């Protein structure tokens, strides 16, 4: 019975996440031993700090698991403080994730999500371990671009954490995976922040070289929550060359600066259109706006992406063009952008 109780205790500890250290009590090393006498079991646990309120909360959760096996004896739970259990200070980091990079625009309709999807693909093609969060709760589109247009059955580890969906080795999490295709989200700010926190810390990301976060348009609740919840290593701004997009992109840049997130550079999307018949190049959305903005801000222009029907077709078909045609012109442009981003992010380490 003692072994059965110990197994139940370990199982319970594996399902209880420490609210400060973002790891399960089992991973922290909270289990010590079990002592048994004629009338009771004494479960001895170690706590990384002396917060009695947390200990009481943990005890209640553990007892909830232990009642399932009903050993026939009283169960006493004892905590002893052991500060050596405290995980190494890493700030607001996700365990195993090396770089967190936000993709923002300040304005909708500039192809930010398409850029995020193809950038994730380019990084994956370079042999990196990549994750992508679609944090646009009101209008999630990453799922559609990777062939998951609506609600998706998600699995977990039994401890309130879920596994991300994977497409060709890219780990994905989007609110679209939890919604019917035409279902609307009508939430206020605090709920948005909670959703972002769950995407960051309650998804089993594993080891990643880069976790990209596709931000919603604007400079609102999600962006602020992100800055408060996690240490973001850098931000990439996506814009088209036209003035109206550049104005909003400048506001996004200002927001990142205010919350102390370094700007890695500018991606100029829809930079030009080349006629497939005659080869004539037309600057549909003006010209050189991205490079002018980058120069004004003192950050690199990471690259330019042309207007191509194939980009839209691939997104509609559920496979980013960088994965569909990995040796094509657009894919090569995104690979070069990925190289620049990896260089820039190291400058702020």
C-alpha atoms as a PDB file:
ATOM      1  CA  UNK A   1       0.000   0.000   0.000  1.00  0.00           C
ATOM      2  CA  UNK A   2       2.902   2.328   0.726  1.00  0.00           C
ATOM      3  CA  UNK A   3       4.182   1.960  -2.835  1.00  0.00           C
ATOM      4  CA  UNK A   4       0.678   2.591  -4.139  1.00  0.00           C
ATOM      5  CA  UNK A   5       0.443   5.745  -2.040  1.00  0.00           C
ATOM      6  CA  UNK A   6       3.875   6.941  -3.189  1.00  0.00           C
ATOM      7  CA  UNK A   7       2.898   6.428  -6.815  1.00  0.00           C
ATOM      8  CA  UNK A   8      -0.292   8.416  -6.233  1.00  0.00           C
ATOM      9  CA  UNK A   9       1.664  11.212  -4.560  1.00  0.00           C
ATOM     10  CA  UNK A  10       4.130  11.416  -7.432  1.00  0.00           C
ATOM     11  CA  UNK A  11       1.256  11.450  -9.908  1.00  0.00           C
ATOM     12  CA  UNK A  12      -0.410  14.273  -7.998  1.00  0.00           C
ATOM     13  CA  UNK A  13       2.799  16.315  -7.805  1.00  0.00           C
ATOM     14  CA  UNK A  14       3.257  15.928 -11.556  1.00  0.00           C
ATOM     15  CA  UNK A  15      -0.153  17.517 -12.134  1.00  0.00           C
ATOM     16  CA  UNK A  16       0.257  20.525  -9.838  1.00  0.00           C
ATOM     17  CA  UNK A  17       2.103  23.483 -11.310  1.00  0.00           C
ATOM     18  CA  UNK A  18       3.944  25.885  -9.052  1.00  0.00           C
ATOM     19  CA  UNK A  19       2.424  29.315  -9.811  1.00  0.00           C
ATOM     20  CA  UNK A  20       5.759  31.127  -9.555  1.00  0.00           C
ATOM     21  CA  UNK A  21       8.247  28.692 -11.084  1.00  0.00           C
ATOM     22  CA  UNK A  22       5.980  27.415 -13.905  1.00  0.00           C
ATOM     23  CA  UNK A  23       7.021  23.796 -13.318  1.00  0.00           C
ATOM     24  CA  UNK A  24       5.217  20.883 -11.714  1.00  0.00           C
ATOM     25  CA  UNK A  25       5.999  20.090  -8.083  1.00  0.00           C
ATOM     26  CA  UNK A  26       7.386  16.751  -9.246  1.00  0.00           C
ATOM     27  CA  UNK A  27       9.774  18.440 -11.701  1.00  0.00           C
ATOM     28  CA  UNK A  28      10.909  20.836  -8.988  1.00  0.00           C
ATOM     29  CA  UNK A  29      11.723  17.831  -6.772  1.00  0.00           C
ATOM     30  CA  UNK A  30       9.106  18.299  -4.056  1.00  0.00           C
ATOM     31  CA  UNK A  31       8.769  14.599  -3.136  1.00  0.00           C
ATOM     32  CA  UNK A  32      10.903  13.510  -0.202  1.00  0.00           C
ATOM     33  CA  UNK A  33       9.633  10.304   1.414  1.00  0.00           C
ATOM     34  CA  UNK A  34       6.677   8.488   2.987  1.00  0.00           C
ATOM     35  CA  UNK A  35       6.710   7.194   6.576  1.00  0.00           C
ATOM     36  CA  UNK A  36       4.178   4.677   7.804  1.00  0.00           C
ATOM     37  CA  UNK A  37       2.936   3.659  11.264  1.00  0.00           C
ATOM     38  CA  UNK A  38      -0.025   1.625  12.463  1.00  0.00           C
ATOM     39  CA  UNK A  39      -2.533   4.442  12.063  1.00  0.00           C
ATOM     40  CA  UNK A  40      -1.289   6.736   9.309  1.00  0.00           C
ATOM     41  CA  UNK A  41       0.983   7.580   6.425  1.00  0.00           C
ATOM     42  CA  UNK A  42       3.116  10.709   6.655  1.00  0.00           C
ATOM     43  CA  UNK A  43       3.938  12.206   3.257  1.00  0.00           C
ATOM     44  CA  UNK A  44       7.013  14.425   3.509  1.00  0.00           C
ATOM     45  CA  UNK A  45       7.365  17.062   0.821  1.00  0.00           C
ATOM     46  CA  UNK A  46       9.877  19.804   0.146  1.00  0.00           C
ATOM     47  CA  UNK A  47       8.882  23.342  -0.721  1.00  0.00           C
ATOM     48  CA  UNK A  48      11.157  25.885  -2.432  1.00  0.00           C
ATOM     49  CA  UNK A  49       9.834  28.638  -0.150  1.00  0.00           C
ATOM     50  CA  UNK A  50       7.934  29.136   3.094  1.00  0.00           C
ATOM     51  CA  UNK A  51       4.688  30.450   1.580  1.00  0.00           C
ATOM     52  CA  UNK A  52       2.154  28.712   3.793  1.00  0.00           C
ATOM     53  CA  UNK A  53      -0.822  29.714   1.641  1.00  0.00           C
ATOM     54  CA  UNK A  54       0.716  27.932  -1.331  1.00  0.00           C
ATOM     55  CA  UNK A  55       1.498  24.881   0.792  1.00  0.00           C
ATOM     56  CA  UNK A  56      -2.111  24.670   1.982  1.00  0.00           C
ATOM     57  CA  UNK A  57      -3.353  24.949  -1.602  1.00  0.00           C
ATOM     58  CA  UNK A  58      -0.942  22.217  -2.726  1.00  0.00           C
ATOM     59  CA  UNK A  59      -2.000  20.001   0.187  1.00  0.00           C
ATOM     60  CA  UNK A  60      -5.656  20.290  -0.768  1.00  0.00           C
ATOM     61  CA  UNK A  61      -4.902  19.299  -4.359  1.00  0.00           C
ATOM     62  CA  UNK A  62      -2.727  16.372  -3.285  1.00  0.00           C
ATOM     63  CA  UNK A  63      -5.405  15.062  -0.916  1.00  0.00           C
ATOM     64  CA  UNK A  64      -7.865  15.206  -3.778  1.00  0.00           C
ATOM     65  CA  UNK A  65      -5.708  12.733  -5.693  1.00  0.00           C
ATOM     66  CA  UNK A  66      -4.975  10.504  -2.678  1.00  0.00           C
ATOM     67  CA  UNK A  67      -8.631   9.973  -1.820  1.00  0.00           C
ATOM     68  CA  UNK A  68      -8.946   7.987  -5.049  1.00  0.00           C
ATOM     69  CA  UNK A  69      -6.870   5.095  -3.695  1.00  0.00           C
ATOM     70  CA  UNK A  70      -8.372   5.089  -0.156  1.00  0.00           C
ATOM     71  CA  UNK A  71      -5.505   3.400   1.700  1.00  0.00           C
ATOM     72  CA  UNK A  72      -7.571   2.964   4.868  1.00  0.00           C
ATOM     73  CA  UNK A  73      -5.260   5.082   6.984  1.00  0.00           C
ATOM     74  CA  UNK A  74      -5.001   8.740   7.764  1.00  0.00           C
ATOM     75  CA  UNK A  75      -2.695  10.678   5.474  1.00  0.00           C
ATOM     76  CA  UNK A  76      -0.587  13.448   6.967  1.00  0.00           C
ATOM     77  CA  UNK A  77       1.208  15.847   4.650  1.00  0.00           C
ATOM     78  CA  UNK A  78       4.284  17.662   5.934  1.00  0.00           C
ATOM     79  CA  UNK A  79       6.225  20.424   4.177  1.00  0.00           C
ATOM     80  CA  UNK A  80       9.855  21.327   4.811  1.00  0.00           C
ATOM     81  CA  UNK A  81      11.454  24.346   3.188  1.00  0.00           C
ATOM     82  CA  UNK A  82      14.350  23.571   0.858  1.00  0.00           C
ATOM     83  CA  UNK A  83      15.481  26.651  -1.044  1.00  0.00           C
ATOM     84  CA  UNK A  84      17.776  24.553  -3.230  1.00  0.00           C
ATOM     85  CA  UNK A  85      14.652  23.472  -5.127  1.00  0.00           C
ATOM     86  CA  UNK A  86      14.186  26.935  -6.573  1.00  0.00           C
ATOM     87  CA  UNK A  87      14.782  26.749 -10.322  1.00  0.00           C
ATOM     88  CA  UNK A  88      17.653  28.800 -11.620  1.00  0.00           C
ATOM     89  CA  UNK A  89      16.494  32.376 -12.125  1.00  0.00           C
ATOM     90  CA  UNK A  90      15.613  32.860 -15.767  1.00  0.00           C
ATOM     91  CA  UNK A  91      13.158  35.728 -15.593  1.00  0.00           C
ATOM     92  CA  UNK A  92       9.851  35.189 -17.342  1.00  0.00           C
ATOM     93  CA  UNK A  93      11.011  32.390 -19.613  1.00  0.00           C
ATOM     94  CA  UNK A  94       9.459  29.193 -20.946  1.00  0.00           C
ATOM     95  CA  UNK A  95      11.606  26.234 -20.008  1.00  0.00           C
ATOM     96  CA  UNK A  96      13.384  24.881 -23.084  1.00  0.00           C
ATOM     97  CA  UNK A  97      12.586  27.864 -25.347  1.00  0.00           C
ATOM     98  CA  UNK A  98      15.719  29.755 -26.405  1.00  0.00           C
ATOM     99  CA  UNK A  99      14.233  32.739 -28.262  1.00  0.00           C
ATOM    100  CA  UNK A 100      10.817  34.383 -28.184  1.00  0.00           C
ATOM    101  CA  UNK A 101      10.152  36.740 -31.088  1.00  0.00           C
ATOM    102  CA  UNK A 102       6.979  38.791 -31.607  1.00  0.00           C
ATOM    103  CA  UNK A 103       5.659  39.588 -35.081  1.00  0.00           C
ATOM    104  CA  UNK A 104       3.621  42.806 -35.116  1.00  0.00           C
ATOM    105  CA  UNK A 105       2.264  45.364 -37.524  1.00  0.00           C
ATOM    106  CA  UNK A 106       0.105  47.942 -35.813  1.00  0.00           C
ATOM    107  CA  UNK A 107      -2.349  47.541 -38.691  1.00  0.00           C
ATOM    108  CA  UNK A 108      -4.394  44.721 -40.140  1.00  0.00           C
ATOM    109  CA  UNK A 109      -4.270  43.684 -43.762  1.00  0.00           C
ATOM    110  CA  UNK A 110      -0.516  43.980 -44.326  1.00  0.00           C
ATOM    111  CA  UNK A 111       0.110  40.222 -44.441  1.00  0.00           C
ATOM    112  CA  UNK A 112       1.553  39.902 -40.953  1.00  0.00           C
ATOM    113  CA  UNK A 113       0.166  36.422 -40.288  1.00  0.00           C
ATOM    114  CA  UNK A 114       1.299  35.244 -43.716  1.00  0.00           C
ATOM    115  CA  UNK A 115       4.759  36.586 -42.916  1.00  0.00           C
ATOM    116  CA  UNK A 116       4.749  34.869 -39.508  1.00  0.00           C
ATOM    117  CA  UNK A 117       3.716  31.539 -41.036  1.00  0.00           C
ATOM    118  CA  UNK A 118       6.359  31.677 -43.754  1.00  0.00           C
ATOM    119  CA  UNK A 119       9.030  32.866 -41.354  1.00  0.00           C
ATOM    120  CA  UNK A 120       8.276  29.875 -39.115  1.00  0.00           C
ATOM    121  CA  UNK A 121       8.592  27.662 -42.190  1.00  0.00           C
ATOM    122  CA  UNK A 122      11.898  29.265 -43.212  1.00  0.00           C
ATOM    123  CA  UNK A 123      13.365  28.766 -39.744  1.00  0.00           C
ATOM    124  CA  UNK A 124      12.219  25.133 -39.795  1.00  0.00           C
ATOM    125  CA  UNK A 125      13.846  24.575 -43.205  1.00  0.00           C
ATOM    126  CA  UNK A 126      17.096  25.841 -41.676  1.00  0.00           C
ATOM    127  CA  UNK A 127      16.961  22.934 -39.230  1.00  0.00           C
ATOM    128  CA  UNK A 128      15.709  24.848 -36.187  1.00  0.00           C
ATOM    129  CA  UNK A 129      13.033  23.723 -33.733  1.00  0.00           C
ATOM    130  CA  UNK A 130      10.190  26.194 -34.188  1.00  0.00           C
ATOM    131  CA  UNK A 131       6.892  27.035 -32.510  1.00  0.00           C
ATOM    132  CA  UNK A 132       4.261  29.570 -33.551  1.00  0.00           C
ATOM    133  CA  UNK A 133       1.535  31.127 -31.384  1.00  0.00           C
ATOM    134  CA  UNK A 134      -1.418  32.821 -33.034  1.00  0.00           C
ATOM    135  CA  UNK A 135      -2.337  35.376 -30.362  1.00  0.00           C
ATOM    136  CA  UNK A 136      -5.007  37.107 -32.439  1.00  0.00           C
ATOM    137  CA  UNK A 137      -7.889  35.809 -30.338  1.00  0.00           C
ATOM    138  CA  UNK A 138     -10.579  37.714 -32.238  1.00  0.00           C
ATOM    139  CA  UNK A 139      -9.382  36.813 -35.725  1.00  0.00           C
ATOM    140  CA  UNK A 140      -7.085  33.786 -35.644  1.00  0.00           C
ATOM    141  CA  UNK A 141      -5.807  32.841 -39.099  1.00  0.00           C
ATOM    142  CA  UNK A 142      -2.656  30.758 -38.551  1.00  0.00           C
ATOM    143  CA  UNK A 143      -4.720  27.574 -38.334  1.00  0.00           C
ATOM    144  CA  UNK A 144      -6.190  28.178 -41.785  1.00  0.00           C
ATOM    145  CA  UNK A 145      -2.745  28.848 -43.249  1.00  0.00           C
ATOM    146  CA  UNK A 146      -1.511  25.499 -41.945  1.00  0.00           C
ATOM    147  CA  UNK A 147      -4.570  23.530 -43.020  1.00  0.00           C
ATOM    148  CA  UNK A 148      -6.543  23.618 -39.756  1.00  0.00           C
ATOM    149  CA  UNK A 149      -9.448  25.992 -40.432  1.00  0.00           C
ATOM    150  CA  UNK A 150     -11.534  25.231 -37.328  1.00  0.00           C
ATOM    151  CA  UNK A 151     -11.919  23.277 -34.112  1.00  0.00           C
ATOM    152  CA  UNK A 152      -9.346  20.564 -33.536  1.00  0.00           C
ATOM    153  CA  UNK A 153      -9.174  17.792 -30.919  1.00  0.00           C
ATOM    154  CA  UNK A 154      -6.213  18.565 -28.668  1.00  0.00           C
ATOM    155  CA  UNK A 155      -4.476  16.151 -26.332  1.00  0.00           C
ATOM    156  CA  UNK A 156      -2.605  16.792 -23.097  1.00  0.00           C
ATOM    157  CA  UNK A 157      -0.448  15.242 -20.429  1.00  0.00           C
ATOM    158  CA  UNK A 158      -3.186  14.854 -17.820  1.00  0.00           C
ATOM    159  CA  UNK A 159      -1.955  17.821 -15.781  1.00  0.00           C
ATOM    160  CA  UNK A 160      -3.834  20.719 -17.392  1.00  0.00           C
ATOM    161  CA  UNK A 161      -1.243  21.146 -20.139  1.00  0.00           C
ATOM    162  CA  UNK A 162      -1.920  20.544 -23.813  1.00  0.00           C
ATOM    163  CA  UNK A 163       0.217  19.471 -26.708  1.00  0.00           C
ATOM    164  CA  UNK A 164       0.528  21.887 -29.632  1.00  0.00           C
ATOM    165  CA  UNK A 165      -0.627  20.832 -33.071  1.00  0.00           C
ATOM    166  CA  UNK A 166       2.232  20.076 -35.468  1.00  0.00           C
ATOM    167  CA  UNK A 167       2.496  20.630 -39.216  1.00  0.00           C
ATOM    168  CA  UNK A 168       5.723  19.390 -40.818  1.00  0.00           C
ATOM    169  CA  UNK A 169       7.479  19.681 -37.469  1.00  0.00           C
ATOM    170  CA  UNK A 170       6.319  23.238 -36.682  1.00  0.00           C
ATOM    171  CA  UNK A 171       4.485  23.395 -33.341  1.00  0.00           C
ATOM    172  CA  UNK A 172       1.344  25.525 -33.527  1.00  0.00           C
ATOM    173  CA  UNK A 173      -1.157  26.948 -31.080  1.00  0.00           C
ATOM    174  CA  UNK A 174      -4.107  29.072 -32.157  1.00  0.00           C
ATOM    175  CA  UNK A 175      -7.456  29.949 -30.674  1.00  0.00           C
ATOM    176  CA  UNK A 176      -8.883  28.714 -33.979  1.00  0.00           C
ATOM    177  CA  UNK A 177      -8.158  25.182 -32.755  1.00  0.00           C
ATOM    178  CA  UNK A 178     -10.828  25.692 -30.070  1.00  0.00           C
ATOM    179  CA  UNK A 179     -13.534  27.356 -32.174  1.00  0.00           C
ATOM    180  CA  UNK A 180     -15.985  26.409 -34.876  1.00  0.00           C
ATOM    181  CA  UNK A 181     -15.087  28.048 -38.178  1.00  0.00           C
ATOM    182  CA  UNK A 182     -17.729  30.801 -37.837  1.00  0.00           C
ATOM    183  CA  UNK A 183     -17.707  31.148 -34.039  1.00  0.00           C
ATOM    184  CA  UNK A 184     -17.050  34.647 -32.688  1.00  0.00           C
ATOM    185  CA  UNK A 185     -15.049  35.496 -29.555  1.00  0.00           C
ATOM    186  CA  UNK A 186     -16.609  38.259 -27.449  1.00  0.00           C
ATOM    187  CA  UNK A 187     -14.148  38.856 -24.629  1.00  0.00           C
ATOM    188  CA  UNK A 188     -12.856  41.742 -22.572  1.00  0.00           C
ATOM    189  CA  UNK A 189      -9.189  42.528 -21.950  1.00  0.00           C
ATOM    190  CA  UNK A 190      -8.489  40.399 -18.834  1.00  0.00           C
ATOM    191  CA  UNK A 191      -9.702  37.270 -20.601  1.00  0.00           C
ATOM    192  CA  UNK A 192      -7.392  37.985 -23.525  1.00  0.00           C
ATOM    193  CA  UNK A 193      -4.442  38.232 -21.156  1.00  0.00           C
ATOM    194  CA  UNK A 194      -5.344  34.912 -19.539  1.00  0.00           C
ATOM    195  CA  UNK A 195      -5.558  33.223 -22.942  1.00  0.00           C
ATOM    196  CA  UNK A 196      -2.099  34.509 -23.853  1.00  0.00           C
ATOM    197  CA  UNK A 197      -0.711  33.236 -20.533  1.00  0.00           C
ATOM    198  CA  UNK A 198      -2.171  29.792 -21.177  1.00  0.00           C
ATOM    199  CA  UNK A 199      -0.704  29.682 -24.678  1.00  0.00           C
ATOM    200  CA  UNK A 200       2.703  30.518 -23.239  1.00  0.00           C
ATOM    201  CA  UNK A 201       2.852  28.412 -20.083  1.00  0.00           C
ATOM    202  CA  UNK A 202       0.167  25.728 -20.355  1.00  0.00           C
ATOM    203  CA  UNK A 203       1.235  24.338 -23.713  1.00  0.00           C
ATOM    204  CA  UNK A 204       3.932  21.651 -23.812  1.00  0.00           C
ATOM    205  CA  UNK A 205       6.360  23.408 -26.141  1.00  0.00           C
ATOM    206  CA  UNK A 206       9.363  21.227 -25.320  1.00  0.00           C
ATOM    207  CA  UNK A 207      12.749  22.364 -26.603  1.00  0.00           C
ATOM    208  CA  UNK A 208      12.502  25.152 -29.177  1.00  0.00           C
ATOM    209  CA  UNK A 209      15.124  27.308 -30.824  1.00  0.00           C
ATOM    210  CA  UNK A 210      12.523  29.954 -31.698  1.00  0.00           C
ATOM    211  CA  UNK A 211       8.968  30.613 -30.565  1.00  0.00           C
ATOM    212  CA  UNK A 212       7.244  33.142 -32.836  1.00  0.00           C
ATOM    213  CA  UNK A 213       4.196  35.038 -31.585  1.00  0.00           C
ATOM    214  CA  UNK A 214       1.878  36.406 -34.269  1.00  0.00           C
ATOM    215  CA  UNK A 215       0.342  39.469 -32.609  1.00  0.00           C
ATOM    216  CA  UNK A 216      -3.070  40.910 -33.418  1.00  0.00           C
ATOM    217  CA  UNK A 217      -3.224  44.305 -35.125  1.00  0.00           C
ATOM    218  CA  UNK A 218      -2.925  47.388 -32.950  1.00  0.00           C
ATOM    219  CA  UNK A 219      -1.266  48.106 -29.629  1.00  0.00           C
ATOM    220  CA  UNK A 220      -3.791  46.789 -27.128  1.00  0.00           C
ATOM    221  CA  UNK A 221      -4.384  44.247 -24.377  1.00  0.00           C
ATOM    222  CA  UNK A 222      -2.649  41.255 -25.940  1.00  0.00           C
ATOM    223  CA  UNK A 223       0.549  43.187 -26.619  1.00  0.00           C
ATOM    224  CA  UNK A 224       0.629  44.582 -23.085  1.00  0.00           C
ATOM    225  CA  UNK A 225      -0.068  41.161 -21.554  1.00  0.00           C
ATOM    226  CA  UNK A 226       2.694  39.626 -23.608  1.00  0.00           C
ATOM    227  CA  UNK A 227       5.232  42.191 -22.404  1.00  0.00           C
ATOM    228  CA  UNK A 228       4.242  41.532 -18.790  1.00  0.00           C
ATOM    229  CA  UNK A 229       4.085  37.744 -18.984  1.00  0.00           C
ATOM    230  CA  UNK A 230       7.281  36.796 -20.794  1.00  0.00           C
ATOM    231  CA  UNK A 231      10.718  38.093 -21.690  1.00  0.00           C
ATOM    232  CA  UNK A 232      10.466  38.747 -25.422  1.00  0.00           C
ATOM    233  CA  UNK A 233      13.870  38.638 -27.123  1.00  0.00           C
ATOM    234  CA  UNK A 234      12.863  40.867 -30.007  1.00  0.00           C
ATOM    235  CA  UNK A 235      10.099  42.082 -32.284  1.00  0.00           C
ATOM    236  CA  UNK A 236       9.754  42.122 -36.060  1.00  0.00           C
ATOM    237  CA  UNK A 237       7.486  44.710 -37.686  1.00  0.00           C
ATOM    238  CA  UNK A 238       5.649  43.885 -40.901  1.00  0.00           C
ATOM    239  CA  UNK A 239       4.435  46.730 -43.107  1.00  0.00           C
ATOM    240  CA  UNK A 240       3.532  47.532 -46.674  1.00  0.00           C
ATOM    241  CA  UNK A 241       5.268  50.510 -48.338  1.00  0.00           C
ATOM    242  CA  UNK A 242       2.215  52.799 -48.288  1.00  0.00           C
ATOM    243  CA  UNK A 243       2.045  55.710 -45.847  1.00  0.00           C
ATOM    244  CA  UNK A 244      -1.096  54.616 -44.029  1.00  0.00           C
ATOM    245  CA  UNK A 245       0.515  51.289 -43.137  1.00  0.00           C
ATOM    246  CA  UNK A 246       3.798  52.944 -42.200  1.00  0.00           C
ATOM    247  CA  UNK A 247       2.055  55.270 -39.764  1.00  0.00           C
ATOM    248  CA  UNK A 248       0.516  52.337 -37.897  1.00  0.00           C
ATOM    249  CA  UNK A 249       3.767  50.381 -38.067  1.00  0.00           C
ATOM    250  CA  UNK A 250       5.491  53.348 -36.419  1.00  0.00           C
ATOM    251  CA  UNK A 251       2.946  53.174 -33.593  1.00  0.00           C
ATOM    252  CA  UNK A 252       3.708  49.463 -33.167  1.00  0.00           C
ATOM    253  CA  UNK A 253       7.407  50.298 -33.012  1.00  0.00           C
ATOM    254  CA  UNK A 254       6.734  52.941 -30.378  1.00  0.00           C
ATOM    255  CA  UNK A 255       4.803  50.404 -28.319  1.00  0.00           C
ATOM    256  CA  UNK A 256       7.658  47.893 -28.426  1.00  0.00           C
ATOM    257  CA  UNK A 257      10.077  50.589 -27.358  1.00  0.00           C
ATOM    258  CA  UNK A 258       7.867  51.599 -24.436  1.00  0.00           C
ATOM    259  CA  UNK A 259       7.716  48.043 -23.101  1.00  0.00           C
ATOM    260  CA  UNK A 260      11.473  47.550 -23.621  1.00  0.00           C
ATOM    261  CA  UNK A 261      11.258  44.958 -26.408  1.00  0.00           C
ATOM    262  CA  UNK A 262      14.106  45.393 -28.906  1.00  0.00           C
ATOM    263  CA  UNK A 263      13.092  45.833 -32.542  1.00  0.00           C
ATOM    264  CA  UNK A 264      14.995  43.401 -34.743  1.00  0.00           C
ATOM    265  CA  UNK A 265      13.966  44.992 -38.027  1.00  0.00           C
ATOM    266  CA  UNK A 266      11.334  45.650 -40.671  1.00  0.00           C
ATOM    267  CA  UNK A 267       9.824  43.287 -43.233  1.00  0.00           C
ATOM    268  CA  UNK A 268       8.383  45.165 -46.203  1.00  0.00           C
ATOM    269  CA  UNK A 269       5.534  43.037 -47.500  1.00  0.00           C
ATOM    270  CA  UNK A 270       3.779  43.449 -50.871  1.00  0.00           C
ATOM    271  CA  UNK A 271       6.756  45.497 -52.011  1.00  0.00           C
ATOM    272  CA  UNK A 272       6.195  45.068 -55.753  1.00  0.00           C
ATOM    273  CA  UNK A 273       4.264  43.107 -58.343  1.00  0.00           C
ATOM    274  CA  UNK A 274       5.932  41.564 -61.374  1.00  0.00           C
ATOM    275  CA  UNK A 275       3.649  40.772 -64.280  1.00  0.00           C
ATOM    276  CA  UNK A 276       3.949  37.036 -65.022  1.00  0.00           C
ATOM    277  CA  UNK A 277       3.433  37.706 -68.745  1.00  0.00           C
ATOM    278  CA  UNK A 278       5.651  40.671 -69.606  1.00  0.00           C
ATOM    279  CA  UNK A 279       7.845  40.935 -66.501  1.00  0.00           C
ATOM    280  CA  UNK A 280       6.950  44.592 -65.867  1.00  0.00           C
ATOM    281  CA  UNK A 281       7.300  45.586 -62.212  1.00  0.00           C
ATOM    282  CA  UNK A 282       4.584  47.724 -60.585  1.00  0.00           C
ATOM    283  CA  UNK A 283       4.851  49.215 -57.096  1.00  0.00           C
ATOM    284  CA  UNK A 284       1.205  48.770 -56.152  1.00  0.00           C
ATOM    285  CA  UNK A 285       1.619  50.049 -52.585  1.00  0.00           C
ATOM    286  CA  UNK A 286       4.183  52.792 -53.253  1.00  0.00           C
ATOM    287  CA  UNK A 287       7.929  52.269 -53.112  1.00  0.00           C
ATOM    288  CA  UNK A 288      10.765  52.087 -50.542  1.00  0.00           C
ATOM    289  CA  UNK A 289       8.508  52.830 -47.566  1.00  0.00           C
ATOM    290  CA  UNK A 290       9.916  49.970 -45.511  1.00  0.00           C
ATOM    291  CA  UNK A 291      13.533  50.942 -46.108  1.00  0.00           C
ATOM    292  CA  UNK A 292      12.769  54.587 -45.265  1.00  0.00           C
ATOM    293  CA  UNK A 293      11.092  53.548 -42.026  1.00  0.00           C
ATOM    294  CA  UNK A 294      13.967  51.244 -41.094  1.00  0.00           C
ATOM    295  CA  UNK A 295      16.481  54.025 -41.737  1.00  0.00           C
ATOM    296  CA  UNK A 296      14.465  56.477 -39.643  1.00  0.00           C
ATOM    297  CA  UNK A 297      14.283  54.029 -36.741  1.00  0.00           C
ATOM    298  CA  UNK A 298      17.890  52.914 -37.046  1.00  0.00           C
ATOM    299  CA  UNK A 299      16.994  49.239 -37.474  1.00  0.00           C
ATOM    300  CA  UNK A 300      17.640  46.847 -40.379  1.00  0.00           C
ATOM    301  CA  UNK A 301      15.247  46.251 -43.213  1.00  0.00           C
ATOM    302  CA  UNK A 302      15.204  42.496 -42.939  1.00  0.00           C
ATOM    303  CA  UNK A 303      13.885  41.930 -46.432  1.00  0.00           C
ATOM    304  CA  UNK A 304      11.139  42.585 -48.964  1.00  0.00           C
ATOM    305  CA  UNK A 305       8.422  40.205 -50.090  1.00  0.00           C
ATOM    306  CA  UNK A 306       6.721  40.777 -53.468  1.00  0.00           C
ATOM    307  CA  UNK A 307       3.020  40.482 -54.267  1.00  0.00           C
ATOM    308  CA  UNK A 308       2.493  37.032 -55.771  1.00  0.00           C
ATOM    309  CA  UNK A 309      -0.697  35.103 -56.374  1.00  0.00           C
ATOM    310  CA  UNK A 310       1.063  31.910 -55.289  1.00  0.00           C
ATOM    311  CA  UNK A 311       1.456  33.307 -51.768  1.00  0.00           C
ATOM    312  CA  UNK A 312      -2.308  33.697 -51.473  1.00  0.00           C
ATOM    313  CA  UNK A 313      -3.026  30.365 -53.132  1.00  0.00           C
ATOM    314  CA  UNK A 314      -0.731  28.520 -50.745  1.00  0.00           C
ATOM    315  CA  UNK A 315      -2.263  30.156 -47.702  1.00  0.00           C
ATOM    316  CA  UNK A 316      -5.752  29.312 -48.911  1.00  0.00           C
ATOM    317  CA  UNK A 317      -4.677  25.720 -49.546  1.00  0.00           C
ATOM    318  CA  UNK A 318      -3.337  25.405 -45.983  1.00  0.00           C
ATOM    319  CA  UNK A 319       0.406  25.259 -46.623  1.00  0.00           C
ATOM    320  CA  UNK A 320       2.677  28.345 -46.528  1.00  0.00           C
ATOM    321  CA  UNK A 321       4.458  28.894 -49.820  1.00  0.00           C
ATOM    322  CA  UNK A 322       7.841  28.494 -48.133  1.00  0.00           C
ATOM    323  CA  UNK A 323       6.898  24.886 -47.374  1.00  0.00           C
ATOM    324  CA  UNK A 324       5.087  24.301 -50.650  1.00  0.00           C
ATOM    325  CA  UNK A 325       7.949  25.607 -52.801  1.00  0.00           C
ATOM    326  CA  UNK A 326      11.052  25.630 -50.545  1.00  0.00           C
ATOM    327  CA  UNK A 327      13.419  26.520 -53.390  1.00  0.00           C
ATOM    328  CA  UNK A 328      11.236  29.250 -54.883  1.00  0.00           C
ATOM    329  CA  UNK A 329      11.849  32.993 -54.915  1.00  0.00           C
ATOM    330  CA  UNK A 330       9.568  33.757 -51.963  1.00  0.00           C
ATOM    331  CA  UNK A 331      11.003  30.942 -49.863  1.00  0.00           C
ATOM    332  CA  UNK A 332      14.541  32.155 -50.539  1.00  0.00           C
ATOM    333  CA  UNK A 333      13.520  35.671 -49.461  1.00  0.00           C
ATOM    334  CA  UNK A 334      12.129  34.346 -46.181  1.00  0.00           C
ATOM    335  CA  UNK A 335      15.238  32.249 -45.564  1.00  0.00           C
ATOM    336  CA  UNK A 336      17.379  35.387 -45.903  1.00  0.00           C
ATOM    337  CA  UNK A 337      15.057  37.223 -43.516  1.00  0.00           C
ATOM    338  CA  UNK A 338      15.347  34.331 -41.062  1.00  0.00           C
ATOM    339  CA  UNK A 339      19.147  34.575 -41.242  1.00  0.00           C
ATOM    340  CA  UNK A 340      19.014  38.308 -40.500  1.00  0.00           C
ATOM    341  CA  UNK A 341      16.667  37.817 -37.561  1.00  0.00           C
ATOM    342  CA  UNK A 342      18.918  35.186 -35.994  1.00  0.00           C
ATOM    343  CA  UNK A 343      21.874  37.549 -36.273  1.00  0.00           C
ATOM    344  CA  UNK A 344      19.963  40.532 -34.868  1.00  0.00           C
ATOM    345  CA  UNK A 345      18.484  38.691 -31.899  1.00  0.00           C
ATOM    346  CA  UNK A 346      21.931  37.642 -30.718  1.00  0.00           C
ATOM    347  CA  UNK A 347      22.948  41.311 -30.483  1.00  0.00           C
ATOM    348  CA  UNK A 348      20.512  41.797 -27.601  1.00  0.00           C
ATOM    349  CA  UNK A 349      21.496  38.744 -25.575  1.00  0.00           C
END
